[in-house]
Amino acid sequence: MYQLKITIDKITPPIWRTITVPKTFSLNKLHHIIQIAFGWWNYHLYQFGEWEHKIGDPILWDDGETTWDKKVKIKDVLKAVGDKLPYEYDMGDGWKHTVVLEKIEVGGLKGARCLDGARAAPPEDCGGIHGYQELIHHLHHPEKDGYIELLEWLEDNYDSERFDIEDVNTELRGLAKYIREFDKENEL
């Protein structure tokens, strides 16, 4: 069992999740776990690693160069405590993350579990780090122009400080079904 800390890069105060996963899970499963843990909708392209050697879904990338993440296990890229793996979601907004192997444990659960985390992830399609910072500024300054439009766009009670570990773990218990439905919807 691996304990991983996943942090969105360049956001202060940090937005992060600590999860445990079997080291034999594929990077494809890890992608879906990250989507659930951060509450994102899984609408955009993603990759692990650096651009020149990206690991992701070659069907979605359709570039002939992407290593298939279903064939790469977490233990193949994270081998020792302290090892890091870049992950990027939504190439337009550019949500870069750092995945760090914090602990290796013998045995453990057969599935993924969230142990801790801080703050809500930025909303989908908010415009990357700059857009997110502007969104937070507007939420803290309702007297500014655009506040009403922002609330209409968010469509719910977005709270940048809210993180509900129970919601994440409930979703993670349905990981296999989540992946099946995603693959079916995307004809993968």
C-alpha atoms as a PDB file:
ATOM      1  CA  MET A   1       0.000   0.000   0.000  1.00  0.00           C
ATOM      2  CA  TYR A   2       1.305   3.440  -0.946  1.00  0.00           C
ATOM      3  CA  GLN A   3       0.488   6.661   0.825  1.00  0.00           C
ATOM      4  CA  LEU A   4       0.528   9.528  -1.673  1.00  0.00           C
ATOM      5  CA  LYS A   5       0.222  13.255  -1.167  1.00  0.00           C
ATOM      6  CA  ILE A   6      -1.165  15.094  -4.182  1.00  0.00           C
ATOM      7  CA  THR A   7      -0.845  18.873  -4.216  1.00  0.00           C
ATOM      8  CA  ILE A   8      -1.981  21.372  -6.821  1.00  0.00           C
ATOM      9  CA  ASP A   9       1.105  23.376  -7.756  1.00  0.00           C
ATOM     10  CA  LYS A  10       1.430  27.156  -7.319  1.00  0.00           C
ATOM     11  CA  ILE A  11      -1.637  27.739  -5.130  1.00  0.00           C
ATOM     12  CA  THR A  12      -1.317  29.279  -1.679  1.00  0.00           C
ATOM     13  CA  PRO A  13      -2.588  28.241   0.766  1.00  0.00           C
ATOM     14  CA  PRO A  14      -2.116  24.768  -0.693  1.00  0.00           C
ATOM     15  CA  ILE A  15      -4.863  22.478  -1.946  1.00  0.00           C
ATOM     16  CA  TRP A  16      -3.903  18.857  -1.340  1.00  0.00           C
ATOM     17  CA  ARG A  17      -5.102  15.303  -0.644  1.00  0.00           C
ATOM     18  CA  THR A  18      -3.407  12.377   1.081  1.00  0.00           C
ATOM     19  CA  ILE A  19      -4.585   9.014  -0.211  1.00  0.00           C
ATOM     20  CA  THR A  20      -3.662   5.377   0.142  1.00  0.00           C
ATOM     21  CA  VAL A  21      -3.694   3.149  -2.912  1.00  0.00           C
ATOM     22  CA  PRO A  22      -2.450  -0.308  -3.795  1.00  0.00           C
ATOM     23  CA  LYS A  23       0.926   0.099  -5.485  1.00  0.00           C
ATOM     24  CA  THR A  24      -0.274  -2.238  -8.241  1.00  0.00           C
ATOM     25  CA  PHE A  25      -3.012   0.146  -9.368  1.00  0.00           C
ATOM     26  CA  SER A  26      -2.475   1.570 -12.839  1.00  0.00           C
ATOM     27  CA  LEU A  27      -1.842   5.249 -13.425  1.00  0.00           C
ATOM     28  CA  ASN A  28      -5.221   5.263 -15.169  1.00  0.00           C
ATOM     29  CA  LYS A  29      -6.872   4.315 -11.867  1.00  0.00           C
ATOM     30  CA  LEU A  30      -4.776   6.926 -10.090  1.00  0.00           C
ATOM     31  CA  HIS A  31      -6.060   9.550 -12.542  1.00  0.00           C
ATOM     32  CA  HIS A  32      -9.656   8.647 -11.687  1.00  0.00           C
ATOM     33  CA  ILE A  33      -8.830   8.664  -7.966  1.00  0.00           C
ATOM     34  CA  ILE A  34      -7.382  12.165  -8.303  1.00  0.00           C
ATOM     35  CA  GLN A  35     -10.507  13.319 -10.145  1.00  0.00           C
ATOM     36  CA  ILE A  36     -12.704  12.003  -7.343  1.00  0.00           C
ATOM     37  CA  ALA A  37     -10.453  13.286  -4.553  1.00  0.00           C
ATOM     38  CA  PHE A  38     -10.465  16.825  -5.950  1.00  0.00           C
ATOM     39  CA  GLY A  39     -14.123  16.761  -6.985  1.00  0.00           C
ATOM     40  CA  TRP A  40     -13.483  17.411 -10.663  1.00  0.00           C
ATOM     41  CA  TRP A  41     -15.695  16.208 -13.510  1.00  0.00           C
ATOM     42  CA  ASN A  42     -13.098  14.362 -15.614  1.00  0.00           C
ATOM     43  CA  TYR A  43     -13.975  16.406 -18.724  1.00  0.00           C
ATOM     44  CA  HIS A  44     -10.475  17.253 -19.898  1.00  0.00           C
ATOM     45  CA  LEU A  45      -7.249  15.679 -21.098  1.00  0.00           C
ATOM     46  CA  TYR A  46      -4.658  14.718 -18.527  1.00  0.00           C
ATOM     47  CA  GLN A  47      -1.161  13.339 -18.383  1.00  0.00           C
ATOM     48  CA  PHE A  48       1.375  11.978 -15.963  1.00  0.00           C
ATOM     49  CA  GLY A  49       5.046  12.788 -16.373  1.00  0.00           C
ATOM     50  CA  GLU A  50       6.617  15.404 -18.594  1.00  0.00           C
ATOM     51  CA  TRP A  51       5.269  16.440 -22.007  1.00  0.00           C
ATOM     52  CA  GLU A  52       8.046  14.703 -23.963  1.00  0.00           C
ATOM     53  CA  HIS A  53       7.348  11.370 -22.203  1.00  0.00           C
ATOM     54  CA  LYS A  54       3.706  11.715 -21.232  1.00  0.00           C
ATOM     55  CA  ILE A  55       1.689   8.856 -19.836  1.00  0.00           C
ATOM     56  CA  GLY A  56      -2.056   9.062 -20.368  1.00  0.00           C
ATOM     57  CA  ASP A  57      -4.824   7.712 -22.526  1.00  0.00           C
ATOM     58  CA  PRO A  58      -3.511   7.334 -26.098  1.00  0.00           C
ATOM     59  CA  ILE A  59      -7.073   7.112 -27.442  1.00  0.00           C
ATOM     60  CA  LEU A  60      -7.930  10.524 -26.014  1.00  0.00           C
ATOM     61  CA  TRP A  61      -4.572  12.052 -26.981  1.00  0.00           C
ATOM     62  CA  ASP A  62      -4.568  10.473 -30.467  1.00  0.00           C
ATOM     63  CA  ASP A  63      -0.954  11.509 -31.013  1.00  0.00           C
ATOM     64  CA  GLY A  64       0.831   8.182 -31.436  1.00  0.00           C
ATOM     65  CA  GLU A  65       3.307   9.148 -28.698  1.00  0.00           C
ATOM     66  CA  THR A  66       1.445   8.759 -25.411  1.00  0.00           C
ATOM     67  CA  THR A  67       2.299   5.764 -23.226  1.00  0.00           C
ATOM     68  CA  TRP A  68      -0.921   4.071 -22.160  1.00  0.00           C
ATOM     69  CA  ASP A  69      -1.564   4.724 -18.471  1.00  0.00           C
ATOM     70  CA  LYS A  70      -3.535   1.472 -18.159  1.00  0.00           C
ATOM     71  CA  LYS A  71      -0.267  -0.411 -18.705  1.00  0.00           C
ATOM     72  CA  VAL A  72       1.848   1.546 -16.198  1.00  0.00           C
ATOM     73  CA  LYS A  73       1.512   0.725 -12.520  1.00  0.00           C
ATOM     74  CA  ILE A  74       2.057   3.253  -9.762  1.00  0.00           C
ATOM     75  CA  LYS A  75       4.967   1.161  -8.453  1.00  0.00           C
ATOM     76  CA  ASP A  76       6.664   1.448 -11.878  1.00  0.00           C
ATOM     77  CA  VAL A  77       7.107   5.221 -11.510  1.00  0.00           C
ATOM     78  CA  LEU A  78       7.105   5.758  -7.738  1.00  0.00           C
ATOM     79  CA  LYS A  79       9.594   3.362  -6.195  1.00  0.00           C
ATOM     80  CA  ALA A  80      10.985   4.991  -3.041  1.00  0.00           C
ATOM     81  CA  VAL A  81       9.651   7.320  -0.373  1.00  0.00           C
ATOM     82  CA  GLY A  82      10.090  10.884  -1.604  1.00  0.00           C
ATOM     83  CA  ASP A  83       9.728  10.030  -5.300  1.00  0.00           C
ATOM     84  CA  LYS A  84       7.613  12.548  -7.221  1.00  0.00           C
ATOM     85  CA  LEU A  85       5.411  12.301 -10.281  1.00  0.00           C
ATOM     86  CA  PRO A  86       3.929  15.274 -12.174  1.00  0.00           C
ATOM     87  CA  TYR A  87       0.235  15.098 -13.079  1.00  0.00           C
ATOM     88  CA  GLU A  88      -1.597  17.669 -15.176  1.00  0.00           C
ATOM     89  CA  TYR A  89      -5.333  17.953 -15.714  1.00  0.00           C
ATOM     90  CA  ASP A  90      -7.067  20.254 -18.203  1.00  0.00           C
ATOM     91  CA  MET A  91      -4.359  21.500 -20.512  1.00  0.00           C
ATOM     92  CA  GLY A  92      -6.267  24.752 -21.079  1.00  0.00           C
ATOM     93  CA  ASP A  93      -6.435  25.678 -17.390  1.00  0.00           C
ATOM     94  CA  GLY A  94      -3.189  23.816 -16.727  1.00  0.00           C
ATOM     95  CA  TRP A  95      -3.812  22.297 -13.292  1.00  0.00           C
ATOM     96  CA  LYS A  96      -0.386  20.885 -12.510  1.00  0.00           C
ATOM     97  CA  HIS A  97      -0.033  18.644  -9.488  1.00  0.00           C
ATOM     98  CA  THR A  98       2.833  16.987  -7.698  1.00  0.00           C
ATOM     99  CA  VAL A  99       2.258  13.412  -6.530  1.00  0.00           C
ATOM    100  CA  VAL A 100       4.691  12.428  -3.761  1.00  0.00           C
ATOM    101  CA  LEU A 101       5.183   8.934  -2.363  1.00  0.00           C
ATOM    102  CA  GLU A 102       5.080   9.596   1.396  1.00  0.00           C
ATOM    103  CA  LYS A 103       4.982   6.098   2.831  1.00  0.00           C
ATOM    104  CA  ILE A 104       5.117   2.445   1.802  1.00  0.00           C
ATOM    105  CA  GLU A 105       3.139   0.038   3.970  1.00  0.00           C
ATOM    106  CA  VAL A 106       2.886  -3.725   3.838  1.00  0.00           C
ATOM    107  CA  GLY A 107      -0.644  -4.993   3.325  1.00  0.00           C
ATOM    108  CA  GLY A 108      -3.561  -2.654   3.723  1.00  0.00           C
ATOM    109  CA  LEU A 109      -6.830  -2.098   1.948  1.00  0.00           C
ATOM    110  CA  LYS A 110      -7.551  -3.374  -1.531  1.00  0.00           C
ATOM    111  CA  GLY A 111      -8.965  -0.049  -2.685  1.00  0.00           C
ATOM    112  CA  ALA A 112      -8.210   3.643  -2.510  1.00  0.00           C
ATOM    113  CA  ARG A 113      -8.907   5.739   0.561  1.00  0.00           C
ATOM    114  CA  CYS A 114      -8.513   9.421   1.312  1.00  0.00           C
ATOM    115  CA  LEU A 115      -6.805  10.076   4.646  1.00  0.00           C
ATOM    116  CA  ASP A 116      -6.737  13.860   4.706  1.00  0.00           C
ATOM    117  CA  GLY A 117      -6.846  16.984   2.611  1.00  0.00           C
ATOM    118  CA  ALA A 118      -7.228  20.716   2.609  1.00  0.00           C
ATOM    119  CA  ARG A 119      -9.485  23.110   0.757  1.00  0.00           C
ATOM    120  CA  ALA A 120     -11.795  22.659  -2.205  1.00  0.00           C
ATOM    121  CA  ALA A 121     -10.283  22.251  -5.645  1.00  0.00           C
ATOM    122  CA  PRO A 122     -10.743  25.121  -8.075  1.00  0.00           C
ATOM    123  CA  PRO A 123     -13.989  24.855 -10.047  1.00  0.00           C
ATOM    124  CA  GLU A 124     -13.772  23.333 -13.520  1.00  0.00           C
ATOM    125  CA  ASP A 125     -13.039  25.807 -16.314  1.00  0.00           C
ATOM    126  CA  CYS A 126     -12.355  28.757 -14.016  1.00  0.00           C
ATOM    127  CA  GLY A 127      -9.332  29.868 -16.060  1.00  0.00           C
ATOM    128  CA  GLY A 128      -6.321  28.293 -14.404  1.00  0.00           C
ATOM    129  CA  ILE A 129      -4.426  29.806 -11.504  1.00  0.00           C
ATOM    130  CA  HIS A 130      -5.100  33.407 -12.556  1.00  0.00           C
ATOM    131  CA  GLY A 131      -8.829  32.744 -13.022  1.00  0.00           C
ATOM    132  CA  TYR A 132      -8.984  30.925  -9.702  1.00  0.00           C
ATOM    133  CA  GLN A 133      -7.275  33.802  -7.882  1.00  0.00           C
ATOM    134  CA  GLU A 134      -9.713  36.246  -9.462  1.00  0.00           C
ATOM    135  CA  LEU A 135     -12.643  34.015  -8.446  1.00  0.00           C
ATOM    136  CA  ILE A 136     -11.436  33.906  -4.824  1.00  0.00           C
ATOM    137  CA  HIS A 137     -10.939  37.677  -4.838  1.00  0.00           C
ATOM    138  CA  HIS A 138     -14.521  38.196  -6.065  1.00  0.00           C
ATOM    139  CA  LEU A 139     -15.916  35.819  -3.452  1.00  0.00           C
ATOM    140  CA  HIS A 140     -14.178  37.806  -0.706  1.00  0.00           C
ATOM    141  CA  HIS A 141     -15.194  41.175  -2.201  1.00  0.00           C
ATOM    142  CA  PRO A 142     -18.882  40.937  -3.163  1.00  0.00           C
ATOM    143  CA  GLU A 143     -19.045  44.689  -3.734  1.00  0.00           C
ATOM    144  CA  LYS A 144     -16.923  44.309  -6.897  1.00  0.00           C
ATOM    145  CA  ASP A 145     -18.489  44.175 -10.350  1.00  0.00           C
ATOM    146  CA  GLY A 146     -19.109  40.631 -11.537  1.00  0.00           C
ATOM    147  CA  TYR A 147     -20.001  39.099  -8.170  1.00  0.00           C
ATOM    148  CA  ILE A 148     -23.601  38.232  -9.126  1.00  0.00           C
ATOM    149  CA  GLU A 149     -22.495  36.728 -12.438  1.00  0.00           C
ATOM    150  CA  LEU A 150     -19.867  34.702 -10.603  1.00  0.00           C
ATOM    151  CA  LEU A 151     -22.462  33.269  -8.214  1.00  0.00           C
ATOM    152  CA  GLU A 152     -24.691  32.343 -11.155  1.00  0.00           C
ATOM    153  CA  TRP A 153     -21.770  30.635 -12.910  1.00  0.00           C
ATOM    154  CA  LEU A 154     -20.785  28.631  -9.814  1.00  0.00           C
ATOM    155  CA  GLU A 155     -24.394  27.361  -9.528  1.00  0.00           C
ATOM    156  CA  ASP A 156     -23.944  26.173  -5.943  1.00  0.00           C
ATOM    157  CA  ASN A 157     -22.391  27.165  -2.659  1.00  0.00           C
ATOM    158  CA  TYR A 158     -18.730  26.951  -3.598  1.00  0.00           C
ATOM    159  CA  ASP A 159     -16.593  27.309  -0.493  1.00  0.00           C
ATOM    160  CA  SER A 160     -12.873  27.404  -1.256  1.00  0.00           C
ATOM    161  CA  GLU A 161     -12.069  26.245   2.283  1.00  0.00           C
ATOM    162  CA  ARG A 162     -14.442  23.253   2.307  1.00  0.00           C
ATOM    163  CA  PHE A 163     -13.097  19.729   2.037  1.00  0.00           C
ATOM    164  CA  ASP A 164     -15.355  16.795   2.925  1.00  0.00           C
ATOM    165  CA  ILE A 165     -13.327  13.630   3.401  1.00  0.00           C
ATOM    166  CA  GLU A 166     -16.466  11.519   3.900  1.00  0.00           C
ATOM    167  CA  ASP A 167     -17.830  12.553   0.488  1.00  0.00           C
ATOM    168  CA  VAL A 168     -14.511  11.678  -1.148  1.00  0.00           C
ATOM    169  CA  ASN A 169     -14.333   8.257   0.507  1.00  0.00           C
ATOM    170  CA  THR A 170     -17.951   7.498  -0.402  1.00  0.00           C
ATOM    171  CA  GLU A 171     -17.102   8.239  -4.045  1.00  0.00           C
ATOM    172  CA  LEU A 172     -13.873   6.212  -3.868  1.00  0.00           C
ATOM    173  CA  ARG A 173     -15.824   3.150  -2.714  1.00  0.00           C
ATOM    174  CA  GLY A 174     -17.550   3.255  -6.118  1.00  0.00           C
ATOM    175  CA  LEU A 175     -14.287   3.615  -8.078  1.00  0.00           C
ATOM    176  CA  ALA A 176     -14.741   0.514 -10.258  1.00  0.00           C
ATOM    177  CA  LYS A 177     -18.239   1.598 -11.320  1.00  0.00           C
ATOM    178  CA  TYR A 178     -17.027   5.173 -11.884  1.00  0.00           C
ATOM    179  CA  ILE A 179     -14.281   3.954 -14.242  1.00  0.00           C
ATOM    180  CA  ARG A 180     -16.629   1.586 -16.121  1.00  0.00           C
ATOM    181  CA  GLU A 181     -19.126   4.404 -16.678  1.00  0.00           C
ATOM    182  CA  PHE A 182     -16.377   6.814 -17.770  1.00  0.00           C
ATOM    183  CA  ASP A 183     -14.958   4.285 -20.253  1.00  0.00           C
ATOM    184  CA  LYS A 184     -18.435   3.496 -21.624  1.00  0.00           C
ATOM    185  CA  GLU A 185     -19.362   7.193 -22.046  1.00  0.00           C
ATOM    186  CA  ASN A 186     -16.066   7.859 -23.814  1.00  0.00           C
ATOM    187  CA  GLU A 187     -16.151   4.624 -25.836  1.00  0.00           C
ATOM    188  CA  LEU A 188     -12.821   3.470 -24.399  1.00  0.00           C
END
